[in-house]
Structure formats: structure tokens, C-alpha cells
Amino acid sequence: GRDVGFDVGLENDLVFGQMASIGFSVDVLEHVNSNRDGFWKGSAAFLAGVVATIRNLRAHPVKITIDGMVIEREVIAVFALNMPYGGGGMNFAPEARYDSGVFHLLFIDTITKLDLAMTLPKLYSGKHTTHPAITIVQGQDIKIESDPLPIMIDGDIFPARAFHTKIVPKAMRVRVPTPPTL
């Protein structure tokens, strides 16, 4: 094998490797977690969580500062991603890499429930990125100001608080297999 540098995110006092998010994504995860003993497992559990929670979809006015640039908008969810995949195999940010030195910040702006339901299956293939309600930008230091919202960090939900995350490039060394030679 070989050692590679792995970026991590610092969300206030918490370290994460994959993602931090607010909004609809937290509602979905709360549903998935409260139904762990249910019929749906894996990717199907996340899809079932979306279907179950979409009826309560609501937008949140936010002020987002990305590396000093300020954006004000209404969103149903914001994700700070260090990797492309999460949520049962959804390809949130196809270009995100664990060693890029930047987050891929995905916004889902105000969207109708029907439009969201039609767009969400595209998350598995990464074809959602061209939807007009979806924006992906890159940044290293992200601060979100809004009414207090719970935060999801690598699959764990934390009580509502200020959202401020920074990327720490190559903070961890990880051993990966050496690719086979042909």
C-alpha cells in the first residue's frame, strides 16, 4: 500500500471526513435513524426517508460566507462535502475529492416538492448538478448564518448551533492499496 493525505473538515469543535449539512438532509436522516428497525435498509432507507419527509419541506433564509464572499438565499439544504458520495450512495458532488484542499458546497434552493421528488433520483448518478435549484461551489472556510438549525456531520445529528466549517488539507495520513498493474 501507500500513504496519502486526506483532508478533514472542522465544524466548530468537531472533525469530519465526508460531509456536514443543514436543512432537509437532517430531516431525512432523523427519519432514517428513527426507523432503523423498519423494512427499508441501506440506500432504500434513505429514499424512504426522503419520501416520508418531503411533505414538510421548507426553505430557510441563510447568509453564507465562503472564503469571505457573502451569498444570501433561501435554501432547503446546504452540504459541505469532502467526498462525492453519502446518504446511501447518493453522488452529491461528483467532482469532490478527499485530497483537493477544498469543500464542494452544494446548495438546494427553494424548490417545489414535486420538482425535488423528480430530481432526487438523479443524485445517484450525479446528474442533478444541472438543475437550476442546485448550485455547487468550492471553498475552504464556510460560515452559515440563519435561524438555529440542527447540523448533520458524517451521519450524526447535533443540536442547532452556528455553522462554521473549515477544511484542513491533508490533515490525516491514510494507507490505501496500491493499484494493480496491468
C-alpha atoms as a PDB file:
ATOM      1  CA  GLY A   1       0.000   0.000   0.000  1.00  0.00           C
ATOM      2  CA  ARG A   2       0.855   3.671   0.030  1.00  0.00           C
ATOM      3  CA  ASP A   3       0.118   6.612   2.314  1.00  0.00           C
ATOM      4  CA  VAL A   4      -1.993   9.502   1.023  1.00  0.00           C
ATOM      5  CA  GLY A   5      -3.030  12.816   2.553  1.00  0.00           C
ATOM      6  CA  PHE A   6      -6.711  13.058   3.493  1.00  0.00           C
ATOM      7  CA  ASP A   7      -8.424  16.419   4.042  1.00  0.00           C
ATOM      8  CA  VAL A   8     -10.734  16.786   7.030  1.00  0.00           C
ATOM      9  CA  GLY A   9     -13.345  19.338   7.932  1.00  0.00           C
ATOM     10  CA  LEU A  10     -13.558  21.146  11.250  1.00  0.00           C
ATOM     11  CA  GLU A  11     -17.122  22.147  12.071  1.00  0.00           C
ATOM     12  CA  ASN A  12     -16.707  24.295  15.163  1.00  0.00           C
ATOM     13  CA  ASP A  13     -15.129  21.706  17.518  1.00  0.00           C
ATOM     14  CA  LEU A  14     -15.959  18.546  15.511  1.00  0.00           C
ATOM     15  CA  VAL A  15     -13.794  16.777  12.915  1.00  0.00           C
ATOM     16  CA  PHE A  16     -15.374  15.134   9.869  1.00  0.00           C
ATOM     17  CA  GLY A  17     -14.196  13.334   6.770  1.00  0.00           C
ATOM     18  CA  GLN A  18     -17.220  13.184   4.490  1.00  0.00           C
ATOM     19  CA  MET A  19     -19.839  15.921   4.937  1.00  0.00           C
ATOM     20  CA  ALA A  20     -21.628  18.417   7.125  1.00  0.00           C
ATOM     21  CA  SER A  21     -25.114  19.669   6.250  1.00  0.00           C
ATOM     22  CA  ILE A  22     -28.187  21.564   7.397  1.00  0.00           C
ATOM     23  CA  GLY A  23     -31.821  21.582   6.323  1.00  0.00           C
ATOM     24  CA  PHE A  24     -33.803  18.840   4.590  1.00  0.00           C
ATOM     25  CA  SER A  25     -30.890  16.405   4.795  1.00  0.00           C
ATOM     26  CA  VAL A  26     -31.110  16.455   8.603  1.00  0.00           C
ATOM     27  CA  ASP A  27     -34.863  15.750   8.458  1.00  0.00           C
ATOM     28  CA  VAL A  28     -34.227  12.745   6.203  1.00  0.00           C
ATOM     29  CA  LEU A  29     -31.509  11.370   8.484  1.00  0.00           C
ATOM     30  CA  GLU A  30     -33.704  11.821  11.569  1.00  0.00           C
ATOM     31  CA  HIS A  31     -36.366   9.717   9.817  1.00  0.00           C
ATOM     32  CA  VAL A  32     -33.834   7.050   8.795  1.00  0.00           C
ATOM     33  CA  ASN A  33     -32.427   6.865  12.336  1.00  0.00           C
ATOM     34  CA  SER A  34     -35.876   6.621  13.940  1.00  0.00           C
ATOM     35  CA  ASN A  35     -36.799   3.731  11.617  1.00  0.00           C
ATOM     36  CA  ARG A  36     -33.637   1.599  11.814  1.00  0.00           C
ATOM     37  CA  ASP A  37     -35.660  -1.499  12.669  1.00  0.00           C
ATOM     38  CA  GLY A  38     -38.045  -0.903   9.782  1.00  0.00           C
ATOM     39  CA  PHE A  39     -38.392  -2.684   6.464  1.00  0.00           C
ATOM     40  CA  TRP A  40     -36.083  -0.401   4.439  1.00  0.00           C
ATOM     41  CA  LYS A  41     -32.302  -0.803   4.706  1.00  0.00           C
ATOM     42  CA  GLY A  42     -29.273   0.858   3.065  1.00  0.00           C
ATOM     43  CA  SER A  43     -29.969   3.119   0.076  1.00  0.00           C
ATOM     44  CA  ALA A  44     -33.665   2.239   0.188  1.00  0.00           C
ATOM     45  CA  ALA A  45     -33.863   3.574   3.762  1.00  0.00           C
ATOM     46  CA  PHE A  46     -32.598   6.985   2.610  1.00  0.00           C
ATOM     47  CA  LEU A  47     -35.032   7.047  -0.306  1.00  0.00           C
ATOM     48  CA  ALA A  48     -37.864   6.104   2.070  1.00  0.00           C
ATOM     49  CA  GLY A  49     -36.704   8.895   4.387  1.00  0.00           C
ATOM     50  CA  VAL A  50     -36.912  11.412   1.555  1.00  0.00           C
ATOM     51  CA  VAL A  51     -40.422  10.293   0.624  1.00  0.00           C
ATOM     52  CA  ALA A  52     -41.560  10.422   4.258  1.00  0.00           C
ATOM     53  CA  THR A  53     -40.143  13.884   4.995  1.00  0.00           C
ATOM     54  CA  ILE A  54     -40.692  15.721   1.707  1.00  0.00           C
ATOM     55  CA  ARG A  55     -44.216  16.751   2.736  1.00  0.00           C
ATOM     56  CA  ASN A  56     -42.683  19.001   5.434  1.00  0.00           C
ATOM     57  CA  LEU A  57     -40.236  20.638   3.027  1.00  0.00           C
ATOM     58  CA  ARG A  58     -39.400  24.216   3.998  1.00  0.00           C
ATOM     59  CA  ALA A  59     -36.891  26.802   2.913  1.00  0.00           C
ATOM     60  CA  HIS A  60     -34.524  28.554   5.302  1.00  0.00           C
ATOM     61  CA  PRO A  61     -33.192  32.074   4.690  1.00  0.00           C
ATOM     62  CA  VAL A  62     -29.416  31.930   5.107  1.00  0.00           C
ATOM     63  CA  LYS A  63     -26.387  34.166   4.828  1.00  0.00           C
ATOM     64  CA  ILE A  64     -23.439  32.074   3.670  1.00  0.00           C
ATOM     65  CA  THR A  65     -19.868  33.344   3.734  1.00  0.00           C
ATOM     66  CA  ILE A  66     -17.468  31.312   1.587  1.00  0.00           C
ATOM     67  CA  ASP A  67     -13.834  32.421   1.862  1.00  0.00           C
ATOM     68  CA  GLY A  68     -15.053  35.976   2.519  1.00  0.00           C
ATOM     69  CA  MET A  69     -17.667  36.049  -0.299  1.00  0.00           C
ATOM     70  CA  VAL A  70     -21.219  36.556   1.027  1.00  0.00           C
ATOM     71  CA  ILE A  71     -24.272  34.876  -0.524  1.00  0.00           C
ATOM     72  CA  GLU A  72     -27.810  35.385   0.769  1.00  0.00           C
ATOM     73  CA  ARG A  73     -30.511  32.986  -0.406  1.00  0.00           C
ATOM     74  CA  GLU A  74     -33.290  30.659   0.681  1.00  0.00           C
ATOM     75  CA  VAL A  75     -32.281  27.010   0.761  1.00  0.00           C
ATOM     76  CA  ILE A  76     -33.852  23.718   1.702  1.00  0.00           C
ATOM     77  CA  ALA A  77     -30.408  22.191   2.309  1.00  0.00           C
ATOM     78  CA  VAL A  78     -26.698  23.006   2.284  1.00  0.00           C
ATOM     79  CA  PHE A  79     -23.938  20.375   2.180  1.00  0.00           C
ATOM     80  CA  ALA A  80     -20.200  20.931   2.748  1.00  0.00           C
ATOM     81  CA  LEU A  81     -18.704  17.876   1.012  1.00  0.00           C
ATOM     82  CA  ASN A  82     -15.206  16.451   1.173  1.00  0.00           C
ATOM     83  CA  MET A  83     -16.146  13.423  -0.965  1.00  0.00           C
ATOM     84  CA  PRO A  84     -18.659  12.825  -3.744  1.00  0.00           C
ATOM     85  CA  TYR A  85     -20.837  10.205  -2.048  1.00  0.00           C
ATOM     86  CA  GLY A  86     -23.041   9.991   1.040  1.00  0.00           C
ATOM     87  CA  GLY A  87     -26.567   9.192   2.166  1.00  0.00           C
ATOM     88  CA  GLY A  88     -26.788   5.609   0.964  1.00  0.00           C
ATOM     89  CA  GLY A  89     -24.759   6.055  -2.214  1.00  0.00           C
ATOM     90  CA  MET A  90     -26.007   9.455  -3.408  1.00  0.00           C
ATOM     91  CA  ASN A  91     -23.431  11.189  -5.616  1.00  0.00           C
ATOM     92  CA  PHE A  92     -23.889  14.684  -4.186  1.00  0.00           C
ATOM     93  CA  ALA A  93     -20.793  16.357  -5.650  1.00  0.00           C
ATOM     94  CA  PRO A  94     -19.222  14.263  -8.423  1.00  0.00           C
ATOM     95  CA  GLU A  95     -16.064  16.416  -8.521  1.00  0.00           C
ATOM     96  CA  ALA A  96     -15.369  16.375  -4.748  1.00  0.00           C
ATOM     97  CA  ARG A  97     -12.129  14.667  -3.708  1.00  0.00           C
ATOM     98  CA  TYR A  98     -10.723  13.892  -0.267  1.00  0.00           C
ATOM     99  CA  ASP A  99      -7.371  15.467  -1.195  1.00  0.00           C
ATOM    100  CA  SER A 100      -8.455  18.586  -3.125  1.00  0.00           C
ATOM    101  CA  GLY A 101      -7.949  21.074  -0.282  1.00  0.00           C
ATOM    102  CA  VAL A 102     -11.481  22.476  -0.758  1.00  0.00           C
ATOM    103  CA  PHE A 103     -15.055  21.651   0.145  1.00  0.00           C
ATOM    104  CA  HIS A 104     -17.641  21.294  -2.561  1.00  0.00           C
ATOM    105  CA  LEU A 105     -20.566  23.259  -1.162  1.00  0.00           C
ATOM    106  CA  LEU A 106     -23.917  22.121  -2.563  1.00  0.00           C
ATOM    107  CA  PHE A 107     -26.983  24.345  -2.150  1.00  0.00           C
ATOM    108  CA  ILE A 108     -30.507  23.203  -2.875  1.00  0.00           C
ATOM    109  CA  ASP A 109     -32.501  26.397  -3.288  1.00  0.00           C
ATOM    110  CA  THR A 110     -36.250  26.757  -2.848  1.00  0.00           C
ATOM    111  CA  ILE A 111     -37.870  24.056  -4.974  1.00  0.00           C
ATOM    112  CA  THR A 112     -41.335  22.546  -5.203  1.00  0.00           C
ATOM    113  CA  LYS A 113     -41.961  19.195  -3.570  1.00  0.00           C
ATOM    114  CA  LEU A 114     -42.750  17.620  -6.942  1.00  0.00           C
ATOM    115  CA  ASP A 115     -39.612  19.040  -8.563  1.00  0.00           C
ATOM    116  CA  LEU A 116     -37.488  17.812  -5.662  1.00  0.00           C
ATOM    117  CA  ALA A 117     -39.067  14.351  -5.874  1.00  0.00           C
ATOM    118  CA  MET A 118     -38.301  14.236  -9.615  1.00  0.00           C
ATOM    119  CA  THR A 119     -34.716  15.457  -9.135  1.00  0.00           C
ATOM    120  CA  LEU A 120     -33.613  13.359  -6.154  1.00  0.00           C
ATOM    121  CA  PRO A 121     -33.223  10.074  -8.087  1.00  0.00           C
ATOM    122  CA  LYS A 122     -30.605  11.868 -10.212  1.00  0.00           C
ATOM    123  CA  LEU A 123     -28.454  12.180  -7.074  1.00  0.00           C
ATOM    124  CA  TYR A 124     -27.411   8.561  -7.508  1.00  0.00           C
ATOM    125  CA  SER A 125     -25.914   9.202 -10.959  1.00  0.00           C
ATOM    126  CA  GLY A 126     -24.669  12.737 -10.273  1.00  0.00           C
ATOM    127  CA  LYS A 127     -26.957  14.161 -12.991  1.00  0.00           C
ATOM    128  CA  HIS A 128     -28.692  16.550 -10.579  1.00  0.00           C
ATOM    129  CA  THR A 129     -25.938  19.164 -10.884  1.00  0.00           C
ATOM    130  CA  THR A 130     -27.516  20.922 -13.892  1.00  0.00           C
ATOM    131  CA  HIS A 131     -30.835  21.564 -12.136  1.00  0.00           C
ATOM    132  CA  PRO A 132     -31.448  25.326 -11.743  1.00  0.00           C
ATOM    133  CA  ALA A 133     -32.192  24.980  -7.993  1.00  0.00           C
ATOM    134  CA  ILE A 134     -28.850  23.255  -7.360  1.00  0.00           C
ATOM    135  CA  THR A 135     -25.551  25.100  -7.096  1.00  0.00           C
ATOM    136  CA  ILE A 136     -22.123  23.673  -6.301  1.00  0.00           C
ATOM    137  CA  VAL A 137     -19.239  25.992  -5.407  1.00  0.00           C
ATOM    138  CA  GLN A 138     -15.851  25.397  -3.832  1.00  0.00           C
ATOM    139  CA  GLY A 139     -14.425  26.926  -0.693  1.00  0.00           C
ATOM    140  CA  GLN A 140     -12.213  26.354   2.319  1.00  0.00           C
ATOM    141  CA  ASP A 141     -13.928  28.391   5.038  1.00  0.00           C
ATOM    142  CA  ILE A 142     -17.727  28.307   5.224  1.00  0.00           C
ATOM    143  CA  LYS A 143     -19.940  30.129   7.706  1.00  0.00           C
ATOM    144  CA  ILE A 144     -23.745  29.902   7.601  1.00  0.00           C
ATOM    145  CA  GLU A 145     -25.895  32.377   9.493  1.00  0.00           C
ATOM    146  CA  SER A 146     -29.585  31.511   9.905  1.00  0.00           C
ATOM    147  CA  ASP A 147     -32.180  30.687  12.488  1.00  0.00           C
ATOM    148  CA  PRO A 148     -30.696  27.875  14.588  1.00  0.00           C
ATOM    149  CA  LEU A 149     -30.792  24.576  12.676  1.00  0.00           C
ATOM    150  CA  PRO A 150     -29.581  21.107  13.669  1.00  0.00           C
ATOM    151  CA  ILE A 151     -26.397  20.030  11.879  1.00  0.00           C
ATOM    152  CA  MET A 152     -25.594  16.623  10.410  1.00  0.00           C
ATOM    153  CA  ILE A 153     -21.920  15.674  10.474  1.00  0.00           C
ATOM    154  CA  ASP A 154     -20.847  12.381   8.900  1.00  0.00           C
ATOM    155  CA  GLY A 155     -24.213  10.799   9.702  1.00  0.00           C
ATOM    156  CA  ASP A 156     -24.574  12.126  13.256  1.00  0.00           C
ATOM    157  CA  ILE A 157     -27.059  14.854  14.151  1.00  0.00           C
ATOM    158  CA  PHE A 158     -26.070  17.655  16.524  1.00  0.00           C
ATOM    159  CA  PRO A 159     -28.344  20.240  18.181  1.00  0.00           C
ATOM    160  CA  ALA A 160     -28.935  23.576  16.496  1.00  0.00           C
ATOM    161  CA  ARG A 161     -25.959  25.915  16.628  1.00  0.00           C
ATOM    162  CA  ALA A 162     -23.877  28.226  14.461  1.00  0.00           C
ATOM    163  CA  PHE A 163     -22.419  26.513  11.380  1.00  0.00           C
ATOM    164  CA  HIS A 164     -18.776  27.299  10.705  1.00  0.00           C
ATOM    165  CA  THR A 165     -16.564  24.788   8.954  1.00  0.00           C
ATOM    166  CA  LYS A 166     -13.030  24.905   7.618  1.00  0.00           C
ATOM    167  CA  ILE A 167     -11.097  22.388   5.567  1.00  0.00           C
ATOM    168  CA  VAL A 168      -7.748  21.213   6.892  1.00  0.00           C
ATOM    169  CA  PRO A 169      -5.806  19.944   3.856  1.00  0.00           C
ATOM    170  CA  LYS A 170      -4.056  16.598   4.221  1.00  0.00           C
ATOM    171  CA  ALA A 171      -4.629  16.547   7.993  1.00  0.00           C
ATOM    172  CA  MET A 172      -4.650  12.744   8.097  1.00  0.00           C
ATOM    173  CA  ARG A 173      -2.429  10.123   6.533  1.00  0.00           C
ATOM    174  CA  VAL A 174      -4.377   7.129   5.230  1.00  0.00           C
ATOM    175  CA  ARG A 175      -2.945   3.896   3.832  1.00  0.00           C
ATOM    176  CA  VAL A 176      -4.582   2.825   0.575  1.00  0.00           C
ATOM    177  CA  PRO A 177      -3.967  -0.270  -1.538  1.00  0.00           C
ATOM    178  CA  THR A 178      -1.521   0.033  -4.393  1.00  0.00           C
ATOM    179  CA  PRO A 179      -3.447  -0.238  -7.662  1.00  0.00           C
ATOM    180  CA  PRO A 180      -2.696  -3.433  -9.571  1.00  0.00           C
ATOM    181  CA  THR A 181      -0.502  -3.087 -12.633  1.00  0.00           C
ATOM    182  CA  LEU A 182      -1.778  -4.407 -15.922  1.00  0.00           C
END
